[in-house]
Structure formats: structure tokens, C-alpha cells
Amino acid sequence: ADIYKYVDEMGVTHLTNVPASTKYKLLIKANKAQNRERKYDNIIKKLCKKYGVETSFVKAMVKTESNFDPYAVSKKGAKGLMQLMPEKAKDLSVNDSFDPKQNLDGGIRHVSYLLKKYEGDVKLALAAYNAGENAVKRNNGIPPFAETQNYIIKVLRLVEKYR
């Protein structure tokens, strides 16, 4: 929440997140990205438990994919928190990619599948999530795409932050 400050005539400083008068002035503006992150904590934890995926791993992916913006749309047409492509969303029975619960359910379920497919190799799972399973197969591993390689590095760094 935003924090407001007011210094009264006695020199006493009053701080609040709910200003009771116009005497209060904005001191600290809340970080909207942090608020968005926390907003989806319960859904992410529940779905990660359901699908057997580490919460910090998913939060790192969501941060990288959409910065926790449920209405994010990429240049390539990926949508929502986990940036599901329309065809993949359809495959995952996600009817509304902008619905956080549906998007997270489909995305986390897909991540769980990829982690199993690649026997827990998080780098290959991330590469497949970002570039597609066919790209991983064609390249016998992580594709030589700068975007995919940078994506893997960024997500893995963020996993440590969220742990």
C-alpha cells in the first residue's frame, strides 16, 4: 500500500496507508509489480503442489514471462501470466488465457509435463517452454537461440530470489 506522512503542529510525524485528511502527503508509492506477485501467491502454491512443481521455479517463470501481468500479450501472440500461445492454450483446455487461474493451471500443468519429459532437466524444460519441444528435439538439446538461452539464465537466477 502507499504510505502517507503528516507532521502535526507539535512536530509529531504521523504515517498511514489510509490518509484521514488532505494534510497527509504521499511518502512512498507502492510497488505495483510486487503487489501483483503477491496477488497470485496462493494460486501458484496450490497449483504447484497439485502438479508437483517447485513454487519458486514457477514464480521465476511468471516474472520472466509477464512480470505478473495477467493481461500481457507478446509480439508473437502469447497471452497472460505464463504467456501461453493460443494453440498451446487450446491444447491445455485454457479457454481464457487472461483468466489468471486458467492460465496458471495450464502453464504449470505444461511445465510439470516438460519436467517429466526431460527427466527433471530444468534447462531443457525451460528451453522447450520458450522455444517449443520440436526446437529442443531438432537441436538435440537447448536451441542456439539467444532469446531461449537468455530466458533460461534469467529464470534460473530468479529461482534463487524466490527461494
N, C-alpha and C. Protein backbone atom coordinates (compact mmCIF):
# COMPACT_ATOMS: atom_id res chain seq x y z
N ALA A 1 0.83 -1.19 0.00
CA ALA A 1 0.00 0.00 0.00
C ALA A 1 0.87 1.24 0.00
N ASP A 2 0.34 2.34 -0.51
CA ASP A 2 1.04 3.61 -0.45
C ASP A 2 1.15 4.04 1.01
N ILE A 3 2.21 4.78 1.33
CA ILE A 3 2.42 5.29 2.68
C ILE A 3 2.36 6.82 2.62
N TYR A 4 1.57 7.39 3.52
CA TYR A 4 1.40 8.84 3.59
C TYR A 4 1.96 9.36 4.90
N LYS A 5 2.44 10.62 4.85
CA LYS A 5 3.08 11.24 6.02
C LYS A 5 2.44 12.59 6.30
N TYR A 6 2.33 12.88 7.58
CA TYR A 6 1.82 14.18 8.03
C TYR A 6 2.57 14.54 9.31
N VAL A 7 3.11 15.77 9.37
CA VAL A 7 3.76 16.25 10.58
C VAL A 7 2.85 17.31 11.19
N ASP A 8 2.39 17.04 12.43
CA ASP A 8 1.44 17.97 13.05
C ASP A 8 2.16 19.18 13.65
N GLU A 9 1.37 20.10 14.23
CA GLU A 9 1.92 21.35 14.76
C GLU A 9 2.87 21.15 15.95
N MET A 10 2.84 19.97 16.58
CA MET A 10 3.74 19.64 17.69
C MET A 10 5.03 18.98 17.18
N GLY A 11 5.10 18.76 15.87
CA GLY A 11 6.28 18.13 15.29
C GLY A 11 6.22 16.62 15.28
N VAL A 12 5.06 16.07 15.62
CA VAL A 12 4.90 14.61 15.62
C VAL A 12 4.59 14.14 14.20
N THR A 13 5.35 13.13 13.77
CA THR A 13 5.15 12.57 12.43
C THR A 13 4.12 11.45 12.50
N HIS A 14 3.13 11.53 11.62
CA HIS A 14 2.09 10.51 11.53
C HIS A 14 2.25 9.81 10.17
N LEU A 15 2.26 8.48 10.21
CA LEU A 15 2.35 7.69 8.98
C LEU A 15 1.11 6.81 8.87
N THR A 16 0.60 6.67 7.65
CA THR A 16 -0.58 5.84 7.45
C THR A 16 -0.65 5.37 6.00
N ASN A 17 -1.43 4.32 5.79
CA ASN A 17 -1.71 3.91 4.42
C ASN A 17 -3.12 4.36 4.02
N VAL A 18 -3.84 4.95 4.99
CA VAL A 18 -5.19 5.47 4.75
C VAL A 18 -5.25 6.90 5.28
N PRO A 19 -4.92 7.88 4.45
CA PRO A 19 -4.91 9.27 4.93
C PRO A 19 -6.31 9.76 5.32
N ALA A 20 -6.39 10.34 6.51
CA ALA A 20 -7.69 10.81 7.03
C ALA A 20 -7.97 12.26 6.65
N SER A 21 -6.97 12.95 6.12
CA SER A 21 -7.19 14.33 5.71
C SER A 21 -6.24 14.69 4.58
N THR A 22 -6.44 15.87 4.03
CA THR A 22 -5.58 16.34 2.94
C THR A 22 -4.22 16.82 3.45
N LYS A 23 -4.04 16.83 4.76
CA LYS A 23 -2.75 17.22 5.33
C LYS A 23 -1.68 16.16 5.05
N TYR A 24 -2.12 14.90 4.84
CA TYR A 24 -1.18 13.81 4.55
C TYR A 24 -0.67 13.94 3.12
N LYS A 25 0.63 13.71 2.96
CA LYS A 25 1.25 13.75 1.64
C LYS A 25 1.88 12.38 1.36
N LEU A 26 1.84 11.98 0.09
CA LEU A 26 2.39 10.70 -0.32
C LEU A 26 3.89 10.65 -0.01
N LEU A 27 4.31 9.64 0.71
CA LEU A 27 5.71 9.46 1.06
C LEU A 27 6.34 8.34 0.22
N ILE A 28 5.67 7.19 0.17
CA ILE A 28 6.18 6.04 -0.57
C ILE A 28 5.06 5.47 -1.43
N LYS A 29 5.33 5.33 -2.72
CA LYS A 29 4.37 4.74 -3.65
C LYS A 29 4.60 3.24 -3.66
N ALA A 30 3.52 2.49 -3.52
CA ALA A 30 3.61 1.03 -3.50
C ALA A 30 4.13 0.52 -4.84
N ASN A 31 4.90 -0.55 -4.78
CA ASN A 31 5.43 -1.18 -5.97
C ASN A 31 4.34 -2.10 -6.53
N LYS A 32 3.76 -1.71 -7.65
CA LYS A 32 2.65 -2.48 -8.23
C LYS A 32 3.07 -3.88 -8.64
N ALA A 33 4.31 -4.02 -9.14
CA ALA A 33 4.78 -5.35 -9.55
C ALA A 33 4.84 -6.29 -8.35
N GLN A 34 5.33 -5.79 -7.21
CA GLN A 34 5.38 -6.62 -6.00
C GLN A 34 3.98 -7.00 -5.55
N ASN A 35 3.05 -6.06 -5.62
CA ASN A 35 1.67 -6.37 -5.25
C ASN A 35 1.08 -7.43 -6.17
N ARG A 36 1.38 -7.33 -7.47
CA ARG A 36 0.88 -8.33 -8.41
C ARG A 36 1.47 -9.70 -8.09
N GLU A 37 2.75 -9.73 -7.74
CA GLU A 37 3.39 -11.00 -7.41
C GLU A 37 2.66 -11.67 -6.25
N ARG A 38 2.43 -10.93 -5.22
CA ARG A 38 1.78 -11.49 -4.02
C ARG A 38 0.34 -11.89 -4.31
N LYS A 39 -0.29 -11.17 -5.21
CA LYS A 39 -1.70 -11.42 -5.53
C LYS A 39 -1.92 -12.86 -5.99
N TYR A 40 -0.94 -13.44 -6.67
CA TYR A 40 -1.09 -14.78 -7.25
C TYR A 40 -0.40 -15.88 -6.44
N ASP A 41 0.18 -15.52 -5.28
CA ASP A 41 0.90 -16.49 -4.46
C ASP A 41 0.08 -17.73 -4.13
N ASN A 42 -1.13 -17.53 -3.64
CA ASN A 42 -1.94 -18.68 -3.21
C ASN A 42 -2.30 -19.60 -4.36
N ILE A 43 -2.65 -19.02 -5.49
CA ILE A 43 -2.99 -19.84 -6.66
C ILE A 43 -1.76 -20.62 -7.12
N ILE A 44 -0.63 -19.95 -7.20
CA ILE A 44 0.60 -20.60 -7.65
C ILE A 44 0.99 -21.73 -6.70
N LYS A 45 0.96 -21.47 -5.40
CA LYS A 45 1.33 -22.50 -4.42
C LYS A 45 0.43 -23.72 -4.54
N LYS A 46 -0.87 -23.48 -4.64
CA LYS A 46 -1.84 -24.57 -4.73
C LYS A 46 -1.60 -25.41 -5.99
N LEU A 47 -1.42 -24.74 -7.13
CA LEU A 47 -1.23 -25.46 -8.39
C LEU A 47 0.13 -26.15 -8.45
N CYS A 48 1.14 -25.55 -7.87
CA CYS A 48 2.46 -26.19 -7.85
C CYS A 48 2.41 -27.46 -7.02
N LYS A 49 1.69 -27.41 -5.92
CA LYS A 49 1.55 -28.61 -5.10
C LYS A 49 0.79 -29.69 -5.89
N LYS A 50 -0.28 -29.27 -6.55
CA LYS A 50 -1.11 -30.19 -7.34
C LYS A 50 -0.31 -30.88 -8.44
N TYR A 51 0.56 -30.12 -9.13
CA TYR A 51 1.29 -30.65 -10.27
C TYR A 51 2.75 -31.03 -9.97
N GLY A 52 3.16 -30.87 -8.71
CA GLY A 52 4.50 -31.29 -8.32
C GLY A 52 5.62 -30.45 -8.89
N VAL A 53 5.41 -29.14 -8.93
CA VAL A 53 6.42 -28.23 -9.46
C VAL A 53 6.80 -27.26 -8.34
N GLU A 54 8.08 -26.93 -8.27
CA GLU A 54 8.58 -26.02 -7.24
C GLU A 54 7.99 -24.61 -7.45
N THR A 55 7.45 -24.05 -6.39
CA THR A 55 6.82 -22.73 -6.44
C THR A 55 7.78 -21.65 -6.93
N SER A 56 9.00 -21.66 -6.42
CA SER A 56 9.96 -20.62 -6.81
C SER A 56 10.28 -20.71 -8.31
N PHE A 57 10.25 -21.90 -8.86
CA PHE A 57 10.51 -22.10 -10.29
C PHE A 57 9.39 -21.45 -11.11
N VAL A 58 8.16 -21.68 -10.73
CA VAL A 58 7.02 -21.11 -11.45
C VAL A 58 6.99 -19.59 -11.30
N LYS A 59 7.23 -19.10 -10.09
CA LYS A 59 7.23 -17.64 -9.89
C LYS A 59 8.30 -16.98 -10.75
N ALA A 60 9.45 -17.62 -10.87
CA ALA A 60 10.53 -17.09 -11.71
C ALA A 60 10.10 -17.07 -13.18
N MET A 61 9.39 -18.11 -13.59
CA MET A 61 8.90 -18.15 -14.97
C MET A 61 7.87 -17.05 -15.21
N VAL A 62 6.92 -16.89 -14.30
CA VAL A 62 5.87 -15.88 -14.47
C VAL A 62 6.49 -14.48 -14.48
N LYS A 63 7.46 -14.24 -13.60
CA LYS A 63 8.14 -12.94 -13.57
C LYS A 63 8.80 -12.68 -14.93
N THR A 64 9.46 -13.69 -15.47
CA THR A 64 10.15 -13.54 -16.75
C THR A 64 9.18 -13.42 -17.91
N GLU A 65 8.13 -14.22 -17.88
CA GLU A 65 7.17 -14.24 -18.98
C GLU A 65 6.33 -12.96 -19.06
N SER A 66 5.76 -12.54 -17.95
CA SER A 66 4.76 -11.46 -18.00
C SER A 66 4.92 -10.39 -16.94
N ASN A 67 5.90 -10.53 -16.07
CA ASN A 67 6.05 -9.64 -14.91
C ASN A 67 4.76 -9.59 -14.10
N PHE A 68 4.11 -10.76 -14.01
CA PHE A 68 2.88 -10.94 -13.23
C PHE A 68 1.71 -10.09 -13.74
N ASP A 69 1.74 -9.76 -15.04
CA ASP A 69 0.64 -9.02 -15.66
C ASP A 69 -0.30 -10.02 -16.35
N PRO A 70 -1.51 -10.22 -15.80
CA PRO A 70 -2.41 -11.22 -16.39
C PRO A 70 -2.92 -10.85 -17.78
N TYR A 71 -2.72 -9.59 -18.19
CA TYR A 71 -3.19 -9.14 -19.50
C TYR A 71 -2.05 -8.94 -20.50
N ALA A 72 -0.87 -9.44 -20.15
CA ALA A 72 0.29 -9.30 -21.05
C ALA A 72 0.06 -10.07 -22.34
N VAL A 73 0.49 -9.46 -23.45
CA VAL A 73 0.43 -10.10 -24.76
C VAL A 73 1.79 -9.85 -25.42
N SER A 74 2.43 -10.93 -25.88
CA SER A 74 3.74 -10.79 -26.52
C SER A 74 3.57 -10.42 -28.00
N LYS A 75 4.68 -10.06 -28.62
CA LYS A 75 4.68 -9.74 -30.05
C LYS A 75 4.26 -10.94 -30.88
N LYS A 76 4.52 -12.14 -30.34
CA LYS A 76 4.20 -13.37 -31.07
C LYS A 76 2.79 -13.87 -30.77
N GLY A 77 2.08 -13.19 -29.84
CA GLY A 77 0.70 -13.56 -29.56
C GLY A 77 0.49 -14.39 -28.30
N ALA A 78 1.56 -14.62 -27.53
CA ALA A 78 1.42 -15.35 -26.27
C ALA A 78 0.68 -14.46 -25.27
N LYS A 79 -0.16 -15.09 -24.43
CA LYS A 79 -1.05 -14.30 -23.57
C LYS A 79 -1.00 -14.72 -22.11
N GLY A 80 -1.25 -13.73 -21.26
CA GLY A 80 -1.46 -13.99 -19.84
C GLY A 80 -0.19 -14.15 -19.03
N LEU A 81 -0.39 -14.56 -17.79
CA LEU A 81 0.70 -14.67 -16.82
C LEU A 81 1.83 -15.57 -17.30
N MET A 82 1.49 -16.72 -17.87
CA MET A 82 2.52 -17.66 -18.31
C MET A 82 2.74 -17.62 -19.81
N GLN A 83 2.18 -16.60 -20.46
CA GLN A 83 2.40 -16.35 -21.88
C GLN A 83 2.15 -17.59 -22.74
N LEU A 84 0.93 -18.07 -22.67
CA LEU A 84 0.54 -19.24 -23.46
C LEU A 84 0.20 -18.81 -24.88
N MET A 85 0.76 -19.53 -25.84
CA MET A 85 0.40 -19.30 -27.24
C MET A 85 -1.02 -19.83 -27.43
N PRO A 86 -1.82 -19.23 -28.30
CA PRO A 86 -3.21 -19.67 -28.47
C PRO A 86 -3.37 -21.17 -28.72
N GLU A 87 -2.53 -21.75 -29.57
CA GLU A 87 -2.65 -23.18 -29.86
C GLU A 87 -2.34 -24.02 -28.62
N LYS A 88 -1.31 -23.63 -27.88
CA LYS A 88 -0.95 -24.37 -26.66
C LYS A 88 -2.06 -24.21 -25.61
N ALA A 89 -2.62 -23.01 -25.50
CA ALA A 89 -3.73 -22.79 -24.55
C ALA A 89 -4.89 -23.72 -24.89
N LYS A 90 -5.18 -23.84 -26.18
CA LYS A 90 -6.26 -24.72 -26.61
C LYS A 90 -5.95 -26.16 -26.25
N ASP A 91 -4.71 -26.60 -26.50
CA ASP A 91 -4.28 -27.96 -26.16
C ASP A 91 -4.43 -28.23 -24.66
N LEU A 92 -4.22 -27.19 -23.86
CA LEU A 92 -4.28 -27.32 -22.40
C LEU A 92 -5.68 -27.05 -21.84
N SER A 93 -6.66 -26.89 -22.72
CA SER A 93 -8.05 -26.59 -22.34
C SER A 93 -8.18 -25.28 -21.55
N VAL A 94 -7.35 -24.31 -21.91
CA VAL A 94 -7.43 -22.98 -21.33
C VAL A 94 -8.31 -22.16 -22.27
N ASN A 95 -9.53 -21.86 -21.82
CA ASN A 95 -10.48 -21.12 -22.66
C ASN A 95 -10.24 -19.62 -22.66
N ASP A 96 -9.68 -19.11 -21.54
CA ASP A 96 -9.44 -17.67 -21.41
C ASP A 96 -8.03 -17.48 -20.85
N SER A 97 -7.09 -17.17 -21.72
CA SER A 97 -5.70 -17.00 -21.29
C SER A 97 -5.51 -15.81 -20.37
N PHE A 98 -6.48 -14.90 -20.34
CA PHE A 98 -6.38 -13.74 -19.46
C PHE A 98 -6.97 -14.01 -18.08
N ASP A 99 -7.54 -15.18 -17.88
CA ASP A 99 -8.02 -15.58 -16.57
C ASP A 99 -6.83 -16.17 -15.82
N PRO A 100 -6.38 -15.51 -14.74
CA PRO A 100 -5.17 -15.97 -14.05
C PRO A 100 -5.21 -17.44 -13.62
N LYS A 101 -6.34 -17.89 -13.10
CA LYS A 101 -6.42 -19.28 -12.63
C LYS A 101 -6.28 -20.25 -13.79
N GLN A 102 -6.99 -20.00 -14.88
CA GLN A 102 -6.89 -20.89 -16.05
C GLN A 102 -5.48 -20.87 -16.64
N ASN A 103 -4.92 -19.67 -16.78
CA ASN A 103 -3.61 -19.53 -17.38
C ASN A 103 -2.55 -20.23 -16.53
N LEU A 104 -2.58 -19.99 -15.23
CA LEU A 104 -1.61 -20.63 -14.35
C LEU A 104 -1.80 -22.15 -14.32
N ASP A 105 -3.04 -22.61 -14.29
CA ASP A 105 -3.29 -24.04 -14.28
C ASP A 105 -2.71 -24.68 -15.53
N GLY A 106 -3.02 -24.13 -16.68
CA GLY A 106 -2.50 -24.68 -17.93
C GLY A 106 -0.99 -24.59 -18.01
N GLY A 107 -0.45 -23.44 -17.66
CA GLY A 107 1.00 -23.24 -17.74
C GLY A 107 1.77 -24.14 -16.79
N ILE A 108 1.32 -24.25 -15.55
CA ILE A 108 2.01 -25.08 -14.57
C ILE A 108 1.86 -26.56 -14.93
N ARG A 109 0.71 -26.94 -15.42
CA ARG A 109 0.50 -28.31 -15.87
C ARG A 109 1.47 -28.64 -17.01
N HIS A 110 1.65 -27.69 -17.92
CA HIS A 110 2.57 -27.87 -19.04
C HIS A 110 4.02 -27.97 -18.55
N VAL A 111 4.38 -27.13 -17.61
CA VAL A 111 5.74 -27.16 -17.04
C VAL A 111 5.98 -28.51 -16.37
N SER A 112 4.99 -28.99 -15.64
CA SER A 112 5.10 -30.30 -14.98
C SER A 112 5.36 -31.39 -16.01
N TYR A 113 4.60 -31.35 -17.09
CA TYR A 113 4.77 -32.32 -18.18
C TYR A 113 6.19 -32.24 -18.75
N LEU A 114 6.68 -31.02 -19.00
CA LEU A 114 8.02 -30.86 -19.58
C LEU A 114 9.11 -31.35 -18.64
N LEU A 115 8.96 -31.08 -17.36
CA LEU A 115 9.95 -31.55 -16.39
C LEU A 115 9.99 -33.07 -16.35
N LYS A 116 8.84 -33.70 -16.46
CA LYS A 116 8.80 -35.17 -16.51
C LYS A 116 9.41 -35.68 -17.82
N LYS A 117 9.04 -35.05 -18.92
CA LYS A 117 9.55 -35.47 -20.23
C LYS A 117 11.07 -35.41 -20.29
N TYR A 118 11.64 -34.35 -19.71
CA TYR A 118 13.09 -34.16 -19.75
C TYR A 118 13.76 -34.63 -18.45
N GLU A 119 13.08 -35.50 -17.74
CA GLU A 119 13.61 -36.17 -16.54
C GLU A 119 14.21 -35.20 -15.52
N GLY A 120 13.49 -34.11 -15.28
CA GLY A 120 13.91 -33.13 -14.28
C GLY A 120 14.96 -32.15 -14.73
N ASP A 121 15.36 -32.19 -15.98
CA ASP A 121 16.36 -31.25 -16.50
C ASP A 121 15.66 -29.90 -16.72
N VAL A 122 15.86 -29.00 -15.77
CA VAL A 122 15.14 -27.73 -15.81
C VAL A 122 15.54 -26.88 -17.02
N LYS A 123 16.77 -26.97 -17.45
CA LYS A 123 17.20 -26.18 -18.61
C LYS A 123 16.48 -26.64 -19.88
N LEU A 124 16.37 -27.95 -20.05
CA LEU A 124 15.66 -28.45 -21.23
C LEU A 124 14.17 -28.13 -21.14
N ALA A 125 13.60 -28.26 -19.95
CA ALA A 125 12.19 -27.92 -19.78
C ALA A 125 11.94 -26.45 -20.10
N LEU A 126 12.81 -25.57 -19.64
CA LEU A 126 12.67 -24.14 -19.93
C LEU A 126 12.86 -23.87 -21.42
N ALA A 127 13.82 -24.54 -22.03
CA ALA A 127 14.05 -24.36 -23.47
C ALA A 127 12.81 -24.78 -24.25
N ALA A 128 12.22 -25.91 -23.87
CA ALA A 128 11.01 -26.39 -24.55
C ALA A 128 9.84 -25.45 -24.30
N TYR A 129 9.73 -24.90 -23.10
CA TYR A 129 8.64 -23.97 -22.80
C TYR A 129 8.79 -22.72 -23.66
N ASN A 130 10.01 -22.24 -23.81
CA ASN A 130 10.26 -21.00 -24.53
C ASN A 130 10.27 -21.18 -26.05
N ALA A 131 10.98 -22.18 -26.54
CA ALA A 131 11.17 -22.34 -27.98
C ALA A 131 10.33 -23.45 -28.58
N GLY A 132 9.77 -24.30 -27.73
CA GLY A 132 8.97 -25.42 -28.21
C GLY A 132 9.73 -26.73 -28.15
N GLU A 133 8.97 -27.78 -27.94
CA GLU A 133 9.57 -29.12 -27.84
C GLU A 133 10.26 -29.52 -29.14
N ASN A 134 9.70 -29.15 -30.28
CA ASN A 134 10.32 -29.50 -31.56
C ASN A 134 11.68 -28.85 -31.73
N ALA A 135 11.85 -27.63 -31.25
CA ALA A 135 13.15 -26.95 -31.34
C ALA A 135 14.19 -27.68 -30.50
N VAL A 136 13.79 -28.16 -29.34
CA VAL A 136 14.70 -28.91 -28.47
C VAL A 136 15.08 -30.22 -29.15
N LYS A 137 14.10 -30.87 -29.74
CA LYS A 137 14.33 -32.15 -30.42
C LYS A 137 15.26 -31.95 -31.63
N ARG A 138 14.97 -30.95 -32.46
CA ARG A 138 15.78 -30.67 -33.66
C ARG A 138 17.23 -30.39 -33.31
N ASN A 139 17.45 -29.75 -32.18
CA ASN A 139 18.80 -29.34 -31.79
C ASN A 139 19.45 -30.31 -30.80
N ASN A 140 18.78 -31.42 -30.52
CA ASN A 140 19.29 -32.38 -29.55
C ASN A 140 19.69 -31.70 -28.24
N GLY A 141 18.88 -30.75 -27.82
CA GLY A 141 19.16 -30.01 -26.59
C GLY A 141 18.70 -28.58 -26.71
N ILE A 142 19.31 -27.72 -25.94
CA ILE A 142 18.93 -26.30 -25.92
C ILE A 142 19.23 -25.68 -27.28
N PRO A 143 18.22 -25.08 -27.91
CA PRO A 143 18.43 -24.45 -29.22
C PRO A 143 19.41 -23.28 -29.12
N PRO A 144 20.10 -22.99 -30.22
CA PRO A 144 21.10 -21.91 -30.20
C PRO A 144 20.48 -20.52 -30.38
N PHE A 145 19.28 -20.34 -29.87
CA PHE A 145 18.59 -19.05 -29.99
C PHE A 145 18.96 -18.19 -28.78
N ALA A 146 19.41 -16.97 -29.04
CA ALA A 146 19.79 -16.07 -27.95
C ALA A 146 18.62 -15.85 -26.99
N GLU A 147 17.42 -15.70 -27.55
CA GLU A 147 16.24 -15.47 -26.69
C GLU A 147 16.05 -16.62 -25.71
N THR A 148 16.15 -17.84 -26.20
CA THR A 148 15.94 -19.02 -25.35
C THR A 148 17.07 -19.15 -24.33
N GLN A 149 18.28 -18.95 -24.74
CA GLN A 149 19.41 -19.06 -23.82
C GLN A 149 19.34 -18.00 -22.73
N ASN A 150 18.98 -16.78 -23.10
CA ASN A 150 18.83 -15.70 -22.11
C ASN A 150 17.65 -15.97 -21.18
N TYR A 151 16.59 -16.54 -21.72
CA TYR A 151 15.41 -16.88 -20.93
C TYR A 151 15.79 -17.88 -19.83
N ILE A 152 16.52 -18.90 -20.19
CA ILE A 152 16.93 -19.91 -19.21
C ILE A 152 17.77 -19.27 -18.11
N ILE A 153 18.73 -18.45 -18.48
CA ILE A 153 19.60 -17.79 -17.50
C ILE A 153 18.77 -16.92 -16.56
N LYS A 154 17.88 -16.12 -17.13
CA LYS A 154 17.08 -15.21 -16.32
C LYS A 154 16.18 -15.96 -15.34
N VAL A 155 15.49 -16.99 -15.82
CA VAL A 155 14.60 -17.75 -14.94
C VAL A 155 15.39 -18.40 -13.81
N LEU A 156 16.51 -19.01 -14.13
CA LEU A 156 17.29 -19.70 -13.10
C LEU A 156 17.85 -18.73 -12.05
N ARG A 157 18.21 -17.54 -12.47
CA ARG A 157 18.65 -16.51 -11.49
C ARG A 157 17.49 -16.13 -10.57
N LEU A 158 16.31 -15.97 -11.16
CA LEU A 158 15.16 -15.57 -10.36
C LEU A 158 14.69 -16.67 -9.41
N VAL A 159 14.91 -17.94 -9.78
CA VAL A 159 14.53 -19.04 -8.89
C VAL A 159 15.20 -18.84 -7.54
N GLU A 160 16.45 -18.46 -7.56
CA GLU A 160 17.19 -18.24 -6.29
C GLU A 160 16.56 -17.10 -5.50
N LYS A 161 16.13 -16.06 -6.18
CA LYS A 161 15.47 -14.93 -5.49
C LYS A 161 14.20 -15.38 -4.80
N TYR A 162 13.41 -16.21 -5.46
CA TYR A 162 12.12 -16.62 -4.92
C TYR A 162 12.23 -17.74 -3.88
N ARG A 163 13.37 -18.40 -3.81
CA ARG A 163 13.57 -19.42 -2.78
C ARG A 163 13.74 -18.71 -1.47
